[in-house]
Amino acid sequence: MKLERFDEGLHHRHIVAYDPVYGEVFAEVREFVHEVLEGVELVHIGSTAVEGLRGKAMIDAVAITARQNLRDEQRAFERMGFHRRPVWVDTDEKPYVCASVVHAGRRFNVNVHICHRGDPVHKDSLAFMDILGRRPDLRQKYEEAKDRAHSIDPGDPQVYNKEKEAVIREIEALIDRR
């Protein structure tokens, strides 16, 4: 698999219908990561991991590592061809890398959030997706928030996230954090 720079043009595309190819793209990326990085588990998260959920056609993943220093794992991803992007989600507690891949002639952006097993990034992402999968009413509210955000400013990811904030909090309130 060849990793290329994150494609900013793809990042701002419209909200689109769920596409079963998302799972195939993720599987290829997971296989590539597992071949290169020992001990890293890659988990598909985000809208493209929830069957039927509309969203941006970007593959989001969590990389679960046993390394103590998450920035060390981030550098390992960078040696593979992923790169850091100066965005608000890249913190010492949750390093972030991204890349662009081509699958069946189509280009997809891939975002990887690096964390430890059991970290809220890992557990809450899975619980969030589970709730969206089980609750069509919340899935519809989430899609409507995405549509609203995209209509305000399709090029600003902070607007996108701000508009989704209320429904995200509503869904997060249902997460069992025991």
N, C-alpha and C. Protein backbone atom coordinates (compact mmCIF):
# COMPACT_ATOMS: atom_id res chain seq x y z
N MET A 1 0.85 -1.18 0.00
CA MET A 1 0.00 0.00 0.00
C MET A 1 0.89 1.23 0.00
N LYS A 2 0.51 2.19 -0.79
CA LYS A 2 1.25 3.44 -0.87
C LYS A 2 0.46 4.53 -0.15
N LEU A 3 1.12 5.20 0.80
CA LEU A 3 0.49 6.31 1.50
C LEU A 3 0.95 7.61 0.87
N GLU A 4 0.02 8.52 0.70
CA GLU A 4 0.32 9.83 0.14
C GLU A 4 -0.11 10.89 1.13
N ARG A 5 0.23 12.13 0.84
CA ARG A 5 -0.15 13.24 1.72
C ARG A 5 -1.67 13.33 1.81
N PHE A 6 -2.15 13.70 2.98
CA PHE A 6 -3.56 13.97 3.20
C PHE A 6 -4.03 14.95 2.13
N ASP A 7 -5.11 14.66 1.47
CA ASP A 7 -5.61 15.48 0.37
C ASP A 7 -6.62 16.50 0.92
N GLU A 8 -6.18 17.74 1.07
CA GLU A 8 -7.05 18.79 1.62
C GLU A 8 -8.33 18.96 0.79
N GLY A 9 -8.26 18.74 -0.49
CA GLY A 9 -9.44 18.85 -1.35
C GLY A 9 -10.50 17.81 -1.01
N LEU A 10 -10.07 16.62 -0.65
CA LEU A 10 -11.02 15.58 -0.25
C LEU A 10 -11.66 15.90 1.09
N HIS A 11 -10.90 16.54 1.96
CA HIS A 11 -11.36 16.82 3.32
C HIS A 11 -12.64 17.65 3.33
N HIS A 12 -12.86 18.44 2.31
CA HIS A 12 -13.99 19.37 2.33
C HIS A 12 -15.14 18.92 1.44
N ARG A 13 -15.12 17.69 1.03
CA ARG A 13 -16.22 17.23 0.18
C ARG A 13 -17.51 17.17 0.97
N HIS A 14 -18.58 16.99 0.26
CA HIS A 14 -19.92 17.00 0.86
C HIS A 14 -20.18 15.78 1.74
N ILE A 15 -21.25 15.90 2.50
CA ILE A 15 -21.76 14.78 3.27
C ILE A 15 -22.35 13.81 2.24
N VAL A 16 -21.96 12.56 2.33
CA VAL A 16 -22.39 11.57 1.33
C VAL A 16 -23.02 10.36 2.00
N ALA A 17 -23.73 9.59 1.21
CA ALA A 17 -24.33 8.35 1.70
C ALA A 17 -23.24 7.37 2.10
N TYR A 18 -23.58 6.50 3.03
CA TYR A 18 -22.66 5.44 3.45
C TYR A 18 -22.27 4.60 2.23
N ASP A 19 -21.02 4.18 2.19
CA ASP A 19 -20.51 3.38 1.09
C ASP A 19 -19.83 2.14 1.67
N PRO A 20 -20.28 0.93 1.31
CA PRO A 20 -19.67 -0.29 1.85
C PRO A 20 -18.17 -0.41 1.57
N VAL A 21 -17.66 0.36 0.63
CA VAL A 21 -16.23 0.30 0.32
C VAL A 21 -15.40 0.81 1.49
N TYR A 22 -15.99 1.59 2.39
CA TYR A 22 -15.24 2.11 3.54
C TYR A 22 -14.60 0.97 4.33
N GLY A 23 -15.34 -0.10 4.53
CA GLY A 23 -14.80 -1.24 5.27
C GLY A 23 -13.61 -1.87 4.55
N GLU A 24 -13.68 -1.92 3.23
CA GLU A 24 -12.56 -2.47 2.45
C GLU A 24 -11.31 -1.60 2.56
N VAL A 25 -11.51 -0.28 2.48
CA VAL A 25 -10.37 0.64 2.61
C VAL A 25 -9.74 0.48 3.99
N PHE A 26 -10.58 0.46 5.02
CA PHE A 26 -10.05 0.30 6.37
C PHE A 26 -9.29 -1.01 6.50
N ALA A 27 -9.83 -2.10 5.97
CA ALA A 27 -9.18 -3.41 6.07
C ALA A 27 -7.79 -3.37 5.42
N GLU A 28 -7.66 -2.70 4.29
CA GLU A 28 -6.34 -2.58 3.64
C GLU A 28 -5.36 -1.80 4.50
N VAL A 29 -5.83 -0.70 5.07
CA VAL A 29 -4.97 0.12 5.92
C VAL A 29 -4.58 -0.67 7.17
N ARG A 30 -5.55 -1.36 7.77
CA ARG A 30 -5.26 -2.17 8.97
C ARG A 30 -4.21 -3.23 8.67
N GLU A 31 -4.37 -3.92 7.56
CA GLU A 31 -3.39 -4.96 7.17
C GLU A 31 -2.00 -4.35 7.00
N PHE A 32 -1.92 -3.22 6.33
CA PHE A 32 -0.65 -2.53 6.11
C PHE A 32 0.00 -2.16 7.45
N VAL A 33 -0.77 -1.59 8.35
CA VAL A 33 -0.25 -1.19 9.66
C VAL A 33 0.21 -2.43 10.43
N HIS A 34 -0.58 -3.48 10.43
CA HIS A 34 -0.22 -4.70 11.17
C HIS A 34 1.04 -5.35 10.63
N GLU A 35 1.28 -5.23 9.33
CA GLU A 35 2.50 -5.79 8.74
C GLU A 35 3.75 -5.03 9.18
N VAL A 36 3.60 -3.74 9.45
CA VAL A 36 4.75 -2.88 9.74
C VAL A 36 4.94 -2.63 11.24
N LEU A 37 3.86 -2.40 11.95
CA LEU A 37 3.95 -2.04 13.36
C LEU A 37 3.47 -3.18 14.25
N GLU A 38 4.39 -3.78 14.92
CA GLU A 38 4.07 -4.89 15.82
C GLU A 38 3.36 -4.38 17.07
N GLY A 39 2.32 -5.07 17.44
CA GLY A 39 1.64 -4.75 18.69
C GLY A 39 0.64 -3.59 18.60
N VAL A 40 0.35 -3.10 17.42
CA VAL A 40 -0.63 -2.03 17.27
C VAL A 40 -1.92 -2.62 16.73
N GLU A 41 -3.01 -2.32 17.40
CA GLU A 41 -4.33 -2.76 16.94
C GLU A 41 -5.04 -1.55 16.33
N LEU A 42 -5.51 -1.69 15.12
CA LEU A 42 -6.21 -0.60 14.45
C LEU A 42 -7.70 -0.92 14.45
N VAL A 43 -8.52 0.05 14.93
CA VAL A 43 -9.97 -0.12 15.03
C VAL A 43 -10.64 0.97 14.21
N HIS A 44 -11.58 0.57 13.37
CA HIS A 44 -12.33 1.51 12.52
C HIS A 44 -13.36 2.23 13.39
N ILE A 45 -13.35 3.55 13.35
CA ILE A 45 -14.30 4.35 14.12
C ILE A 45 -14.91 5.41 13.20
N GLY A 46 -15.77 6.23 13.76
CA GLY A 46 -16.33 7.35 13.01
C GLY A 46 -17.48 6.95 12.12
N SER A 47 -17.96 7.91 11.37
CA SER A 47 -19.15 7.71 10.53
C SER A 47 -18.99 6.60 9.52
N THR A 48 -17.79 6.45 8.94
CA THR A 48 -17.61 5.42 7.92
C THR A 48 -17.62 4.02 8.51
N ALA A 49 -17.59 3.91 9.84
CA ALA A 49 -17.65 2.61 10.49
C ALA A 49 -19.06 2.22 10.91
N VAL A 50 -20.02 3.12 10.72
CA VAL A 50 -21.40 2.86 11.10
C VAL A 50 -22.22 2.65 9.84
N GLU A 51 -22.60 1.42 9.60
CA GLU A 51 -23.35 1.10 8.39
C GLU A 51 -24.60 1.96 8.28
N GLY A 52 -24.75 2.59 7.12
CA GLY A 52 -25.93 3.40 6.84
C GLY A 52 -25.81 4.86 7.24
N LEU A 53 -24.77 5.24 7.97
CA LEU A 53 -24.63 6.62 8.44
C LEU A 53 -23.99 7.50 7.37
N ARG A 54 -24.66 8.59 7.03
CA ARG A 54 -24.08 9.54 6.09
C ARG A 54 -22.97 10.33 6.77
N GLY A 55 -21.99 10.78 5.99
CA GLY A 55 -20.91 11.59 6.54
C GLY A 55 -19.88 11.91 5.48
N LYS A 56 -18.76 12.46 5.93
CA LYS A 56 -17.65 12.72 5.02
C LYS A 56 -16.98 11.39 4.72
N ALA A 57 -16.53 11.24 3.50
CA ALA A 57 -15.92 9.98 3.07
C ALA A 57 -14.46 9.91 3.52
N MET A 58 -14.26 9.96 4.83
CA MET A 58 -12.92 9.83 5.41
C MET A 58 -12.92 8.65 6.36
N ILE A 59 -11.85 7.91 6.33
CA ILE A 59 -11.74 6.74 7.19
C ILE A 59 -11.05 7.18 8.48
N ASP A 60 -11.73 7.02 9.61
CA ASP A 60 -11.16 7.33 10.91
C ASP A 60 -10.85 6.03 11.62
N ALA A 61 -9.72 6.03 12.33
CA ALA A 61 -9.31 4.84 13.05
C ALA A 61 -8.65 5.22 14.36
N VAL A 62 -8.67 4.29 15.29
CA VAL A 62 -7.92 4.40 16.53
C VAL A 62 -6.83 3.35 16.47
N ALA A 63 -5.60 3.78 16.75
CA ALA A 63 -4.47 2.85 16.85
C ALA A 63 -4.21 2.65 18.34
N ILE A 64 -4.41 1.42 18.79
CA ILE A 64 -4.22 1.10 20.20
C ILE A 64 -2.81 0.51 20.35
N THR A 65 -2.02 1.13 21.22
CA THR A 65 -0.63 0.73 21.39
C THR A 65 -0.32 0.44 22.85
N ALA A 66 0.68 -0.39 23.07
CA ALA A 66 1.17 -0.65 24.42
C ALA A 66 2.36 0.25 24.75
N ARG A 67 2.89 0.96 23.75
CA ARG A 67 4.00 1.88 24.03
C ARG A 67 3.57 2.90 25.06
N GLN A 68 4.46 3.19 25.99
CA GLN A 68 4.15 4.19 27.00
C GLN A 68 4.06 5.58 26.38
N ASN A 69 5.01 5.92 25.54
CA ASN A 69 5.06 7.25 24.94
C ASN A 69 4.30 7.23 23.61
N LEU A 70 3.15 7.87 23.61
CA LEU A 70 2.32 7.87 22.40
C LEU A 70 2.98 8.62 21.25
N ARG A 71 3.79 9.61 21.55
CA ARG A 71 4.50 10.33 20.49
C ARG A 71 5.51 9.41 19.79
N ASP A 72 6.08 8.44 20.53
CA ASP A 72 6.97 7.45 19.90
C ASP A 72 6.20 6.64 18.87
N GLU A 73 4.98 6.26 19.21
CA GLU A 73 4.15 5.51 18.26
C GLU A 73 3.81 6.40 17.07
N GLN A 74 3.54 7.66 17.33
CA GLN A 74 3.25 8.59 16.25
C GLN A 74 4.43 8.65 15.28
N ARG A 75 5.63 8.72 15.81
CA ARG A 75 6.82 8.75 14.94
C ARG A 75 6.95 7.46 14.14
N ALA A 76 6.56 6.32 14.72
CA ALA A 76 6.59 5.05 13.98
C ALA A 76 5.61 5.10 12.80
N PHE A 77 4.44 5.67 13.02
CA PHE A 77 3.47 5.85 11.93
C PHE A 77 4.04 6.78 10.86
N GLU A 78 4.74 7.82 11.29
CA GLU A 78 5.33 8.75 10.32
C GLU A 78 6.39 8.05 9.47
N ARG A 79 7.16 7.16 10.07
CA ARG A 79 8.16 6.41 9.29
C ARG A 79 7.51 5.52 8.24
N MET A 80 6.25 5.12 8.47
CA MET A 80 5.50 4.31 7.50
C MET A 80 4.99 5.14 6.33
N GLY A 81 4.90 6.45 6.51
CA GLY A 81 4.37 7.30 5.46
C GLY A 81 3.19 8.16 5.88
N PHE A 82 2.67 7.93 7.08
CA PHE A 82 1.64 8.83 7.61
C PHE A 82 2.33 10.14 7.97
N HIS A 83 1.58 11.19 8.17
CA HIS A 83 2.19 12.45 8.59
C HIS A 83 1.28 13.18 9.58
N ARG A 84 1.92 14.07 10.34
CA ARG A 84 1.18 14.91 11.28
C ARG A 84 0.58 16.07 10.51
N ARG A 85 -0.57 16.50 10.95
CA ARG A 85 -1.22 17.68 10.41
C ARG A 85 -1.46 18.63 11.57
N PRO A 86 -1.12 19.89 11.42
CA PRO A 86 -1.27 20.82 12.54
C PRO A 86 -2.74 21.15 12.80
N VAL A 87 -3.43 20.24 13.46
CA VAL A 87 -4.84 20.44 13.78
C VAL A 87 -5.04 20.26 15.28
N TRP A 88 -6.16 20.74 15.77
CA TRP A 88 -6.43 20.75 17.21
C TRP A 88 -6.52 19.35 17.82
N VAL A 89 -6.76 18.32 17.04
CA VAL A 89 -6.90 16.98 17.62
C VAL A 89 -5.56 16.33 17.95
N ASP A 90 -4.46 16.88 17.47
CA ASP A 90 -3.14 16.30 17.72
C ASP A 90 -2.59 16.84 19.04
N THR A 91 -2.73 16.05 20.10
CA THR A 91 -2.24 16.42 21.42
C THR A 91 -1.35 15.31 21.96
N ASP A 92 -0.61 15.61 23.03
CA ASP A 92 0.23 14.58 23.64
C ASP A 92 -0.60 13.41 24.17
N GLU A 93 -1.84 13.70 24.59
CA GLU A 93 -2.72 12.65 25.11
C GLU A 93 -3.39 11.85 23.99
N LYS A 94 -3.41 12.41 22.80
CA LYS A 94 -4.06 11.74 21.66
C LYS A 94 -3.36 12.16 20.38
N PRO A 95 -2.14 11.66 20.14
CA PRO A 95 -1.46 12.00 18.89
C PRO A 95 -2.28 11.55 17.68
N TYR A 96 -2.01 12.21 16.59
CA TYR A 96 -2.84 12.05 15.39
C TYR A 96 -1.93 12.05 14.17
N VAL A 97 -2.21 11.16 13.24
CA VAL A 97 -1.53 11.13 11.95
C VAL A 97 -2.57 10.92 10.87
N CYS A 98 -2.20 11.22 9.64
CA CYS A 98 -3.14 11.04 8.54
C CYS A 98 -2.38 10.74 7.26
N ALA A 99 -3.12 10.31 6.28
CA ALA A 99 -2.57 10.02 4.96
C ALA A 99 -3.72 9.93 3.98
N SER A 100 -3.37 9.77 2.74
CA SER A 100 -4.34 9.55 1.69
C SER A 100 -3.96 8.23 1.01
N VAL A 101 -4.97 7.41 0.69
CA VAL A 101 -4.73 6.14 0.02
C VAL A 101 -5.65 6.02 -1.19
N VAL A 102 -5.23 5.21 -2.13
CA VAL A 102 -6.07 4.94 -3.30
C VAL A 102 -6.56 3.50 -3.20
N HIS A 103 -7.87 3.33 -3.35
CA HIS A 103 -8.50 2.02 -3.31
C HIS A 103 -9.44 1.93 -4.50
N ALA A 104 -9.24 0.92 -5.35
CA ALA A 104 -10.09 0.70 -6.52
C ALA A 104 -10.26 1.98 -7.34
N GLY A 105 -9.16 2.71 -7.50
CA GLY A 105 -9.17 3.91 -8.32
C GLY A 105 -9.72 5.16 -7.65
N ARG A 106 -10.14 5.06 -6.39
CA ARG A 106 -10.67 6.21 -5.66
C ARG A 106 -9.72 6.59 -4.52
N ARG A 107 -9.63 7.86 -4.23
CA ARG A 107 -8.75 8.36 -3.16
C ARG A 107 -9.57 8.57 -1.88
N PHE A 108 -9.00 8.14 -0.77
CA PHE A 108 -9.63 8.32 0.54
C PHE A 108 -8.60 8.88 1.52
N ASN A 109 -9.04 9.79 2.36
CA ASN A 109 -8.20 10.24 3.46
C ASN A 109 -8.42 9.31 4.64
N VAL A 110 -7.32 9.10 5.38
CA VAL A 110 -7.35 8.23 6.56
C VAL A 110 -6.78 9.03 7.73
N ASN A 111 -7.54 9.08 8.82
CA ASN A 111 -7.12 9.74 10.06
C ASN A 111 -6.91 8.67 11.12
N VAL A 112 -5.79 8.74 11.84
CA VAL A 112 -5.50 7.75 12.88
C VAL A 112 -5.21 8.48 14.19
N HIS A 113 -6.01 8.17 15.21
CA HIS A 113 -5.83 8.71 16.55
C HIS A 113 -5.14 7.62 17.38
N ILE A 114 -4.03 7.96 18.02
CA ILE A 114 -3.21 6.98 18.72
C ILE A 114 -3.49 7.07 20.22
N CYS A 115 -3.76 5.91 20.84
CA CYS A 115 -4.08 5.89 22.27
C CYS A 115 -3.73 4.54 22.88
N HIS A 116 -3.94 4.43 24.18
CA HIS A 116 -3.77 3.16 24.89
C HIS A 116 -5.11 2.45 24.98
N ARG A 117 -5.06 1.13 25.15
CA ARG A 117 -6.29 0.35 25.32
C ARG A 117 -7.05 0.86 26.53
N GLY A 118 -8.36 1.01 26.37
CA GLY A 118 -9.19 1.47 27.47
C GLY A 118 -9.24 2.98 27.62
N ASP A 119 -8.44 3.68 26.85
CA ASP A 119 -8.45 5.14 26.87
C ASP A 119 -9.83 5.60 26.39
N PRO A 120 -10.32 6.75 26.86
CA PRO A 120 -11.63 7.22 26.39
C PRO A 120 -11.73 7.34 24.87
N VAL A 121 -10.64 7.70 24.20
CA VAL A 121 -10.68 7.78 22.73
C VAL A 121 -11.10 6.44 22.15
N HIS A 122 -10.59 5.37 22.74
CA HIS A 122 -10.89 4.02 22.28
C HIS A 122 -12.29 3.60 22.72
N LYS A 123 -12.53 3.58 24.02
CA LYS A 123 -13.80 3.08 24.55
C LYS A 123 -14.99 3.93 24.13
N ASP A 124 -14.86 5.24 24.24
CA ASP A 124 -15.98 6.11 23.92
C ASP A 124 -16.32 6.08 22.43
N SER A 125 -15.31 5.96 21.57
CA SER A 125 -15.57 5.88 20.13
C SER A 125 -16.40 4.66 19.80
N LEU A 126 -16.05 3.53 20.40
CA LEU A 126 -16.80 2.29 20.14
C LEU A 126 -18.22 2.40 20.68
N ALA A 127 -18.38 2.95 21.88
CA ALA A 127 -19.71 3.10 22.47
C ALA A 127 -20.56 4.08 21.65
N PHE A 128 -19.94 5.17 21.18
CA PHE A 128 -20.63 6.18 20.38
C PHE A 128 -21.18 5.54 19.10
N MET A 129 -20.34 4.76 18.43
CA MET A 129 -20.77 4.11 17.19
C MET A 129 -21.87 3.08 17.46
N ASP A 130 -21.76 2.37 18.58
CA ASP A 130 -22.78 1.39 18.94
C ASP A 130 -24.14 2.07 19.14
N ILE A 131 -24.13 3.19 19.83
CA ILE A 131 -25.38 3.93 20.05
C ILE A 131 -25.97 4.40 18.73
N LEU A 132 -25.12 4.96 17.85
CA LEU A 132 -25.62 5.41 16.55
C LEU A 132 -26.17 4.24 15.73
N GLY A 133 -25.57 3.08 15.87
CA GLY A 133 -26.04 1.90 15.15
C GLY A 133 -27.38 1.40 15.66
N ARG A 134 -27.65 1.61 16.94
CA ARG A 134 -28.89 1.12 17.56
C ARG A 134 -30.02 2.14 17.61
N ARG A 135 -29.68 3.42 17.47
CA ARG A 135 -30.68 4.48 17.66
C ARG A 135 -30.86 5.31 16.39
N PRO A 136 -31.83 4.91 15.54
CA PRO A 136 -32.07 5.67 14.31
C PRO A 136 -32.42 7.14 14.57
N ASP A 137 -33.07 7.44 15.69
CA ASP A 137 -33.43 8.83 16.00
C ASP A 137 -32.17 9.68 16.22
N LEU A 138 -31.19 9.13 16.93
CA LEU A 138 -29.94 9.87 17.16
C LEU A 138 -29.08 9.91 15.90
N ARG A 139 -29.13 8.84 15.13
CA ARG A 139 -28.39 8.83 13.86
C ARG A 139 -28.93 9.95 12.96
N GLN A 140 -30.26 10.11 12.91
CA GLN A 140 -30.85 11.17 12.09
C GLN A 140 -30.46 12.55 12.62
N LYS A 141 -30.49 12.76 13.93
CA LYS A 141 -30.09 14.04 14.50
C LYS A 141 -28.62 14.34 14.19
N TYR A 142 -27.80 13.32 14.25
CA TYR A 142 -26.37 13.49 13.97
C TYR A 142 -26.16 13.87 12.50
N GLU A 143 -26.86 13.19 11.61
CA GLU A 143 -26.76 13.52 10.19
C GLU A 143 -27.25 14.94 9.92
N GLU A 144 -28.34 15.34 10.56
CA GLU A 144 -28.87 16.69 10.37
C GLU A 144 -27.87 17.74 10.85
N ALA A 145 -27.19 17.46 11.96
CA ALA A 145 -26.17 18.39 12.47
C ALA A 145 -25.01 18.50 11.49
N LYS A 146 -24.63 17.39 10.89
CA LYS A 146 -23.56 17.41 9.88
C LYS A 146 -23.99 18.23 8.67
N ASP A 147 -25.21 18.01 8.20
CA ASP A 147 -25.72 18.77 7.06
C ASP A 147 -25.73 20.27 7.36
N ARG A 148 -26.20 20.62 8.55
CA ARG A 148 -26.26 22.03 8.96
C ARG A 148 -24.85 22.63 8.98
N ALA A 149 -23.92 21.92 9.58
CA ALA A 149 -22.54 22.40 9.66
C ALA A 149 -21.94 22.58 8.28
N HIS A 150 -22.19 21.62 7.42
CA HIS A 150 -21.62 21.68 6.07
C HIS A 150 -22.22 22.85 5.28
N SER A 151 -23.48 23.16 5.54
CA SER A 151 -24.11 24.27 4.82
C SER A 151 -23.58 25.62 5.31
N ILE A 152 -23.13 25.70 6.55
CA ILE A 152 -22.58 26.94 7.09
C ILE A 152 -21.20 27.22 6.49
N ASP A 153 -20.31 26.23 6.56
CA ASP A 153 -18.95 26.41 6.03
C ASP A 153 -18.33 25.04 5.78
N PRO A 154 -18.44 24.53 4.58
CA PRO A 154 -17.93 23.19 4.30
C PRO A 154 -16.42 23.06 4.42
N GLY A 155 -15.71 24.17 4.44
CA GLY A 155 -14.25 24.11 4.49
C GLY A 155 -13.66 24.26 5.87
N ASP A 156 -14.47 24.46 6.90
CA ASP A 156 -13.94 24.69 8.24
C ASP A 156 -14.31 23.53 9.16
N PRO A 157 -13.34 22.66 9.47
CA PRO A 157 -13.65 21.51 10.33
C PRO A 157 -14.06 21.91 11.75
N GLN A 158 -13.65 23.08 12.20
CA GLN A 158 -14.07 23.51 13.54
C GLN A 158 -15.55 23.88 13.56
N VAL A 159 -16.05 24.48 12.49
CA VAL A 159 -17.49 24.75 12.37
C VAL A 159 -18.23 23.42 12.33
N TYR A 160 -17.70 22.50 11.56
CA TYR A 160 -18.30 21.16 11.43
C TYR A 160 -18.45 20.52 12.81
N ASN A 161 -17.38 20.55 13.60
CA ASN A 161 -17.43 19.93 14.93
C ASN A 161 -18.30 20.72 15.90
N LYS A 162 -18.29 22.04 15.82
CA LYS A 162 -19.10 22.86 16.71
C LYS A 162 -20.59 22.59 16.49
N GLU A 163 -21.01 22.47 15.24
CA GLU A 163 -22.42 22.23 14.94
C GLU A 163 -22.88 20.85 15.40
N LYS A 164 -21.96 19.91 15.47
CA LYS A 164 -22.31 18.55 15.91
C LYS A 164 -22.28 18.41 17.43
N GLU A 165 -21.74 19.42 18.11
CA GLU A 165 -21.46 19.33 19.54
C GLU A 165 -22.65 18.93 20.40
N ALA A 166 -23.82 19.55 20.20
CA ALA A 166 -24.98 19.27 21.05
C ALA A 166 -25.43 17.82 20.92
N VAL A 167 -25.52 17.32 19.70
CA VAL A 167 -25.96 15.93 19.53
C VAL A 167 -24.87 14.97 20.01
N ILE A 168 -23.62 15.34 19.86
CA ILE A 168 -22.54 14.50 20.39
C ILE A 168 -22.67 14.39 21.91
N ARG A 169 -22.92 15.52 22.58
CA ARG A 169 -23.09 15.48 24.04
C ARG A 169 -24.30 14.61 24.42
N GLU A 170 -25.37 14.70 23.65
CA GLU A 170 -26.56 13.89 23.93
C GLU A 170 -26.23 12.40 23.83
N ILE A 171 -25.48 12.03 22.81
CA ILE A 171 -25.08 10.63 22.63
C ILE A 171 -24.10 10.21 23.71
N GLU A 172 -23.12 11.07 23.99
CA GLU A 172 -22.12 10.74 25.02
C GLU A 172 -22.75 10.55 26.40
N ALA A 173 -23.86 11.24 26.67
CA ALA A 173 -24.54 11.09 27.95
C ALA A 173 -25.08 9.66 28.13
N LEU A 174 -25.26 8.95 27.04
CA LEU A 174 -25.77 7.58 27.09
C LEU A 174 -24.66 6.54 27.25
N ILE A 175 -23.40 6.97 27.17
CA ILE A 175 -22.28 6.04 27.26
C ILE A 175 -22.07 5.62 28.71
N ASP A 176 -22.03 4.31 28.92
CA ASP A 176 -21.77 3.74 30.25
C ASP A 176 -20.27 3.76 30.47
N ARG A 177 -19.80 4.57 31.40
CA ARG A 177 -18.35 4.72 31.62
C ARG A 177 -17.87 3.93 32.83
N ARG A 178 -18.57 2.85 33.16
CA ARG A 178 -18.12 2.00 34.28
C ARG A 178 -16.90 1.24 33.92
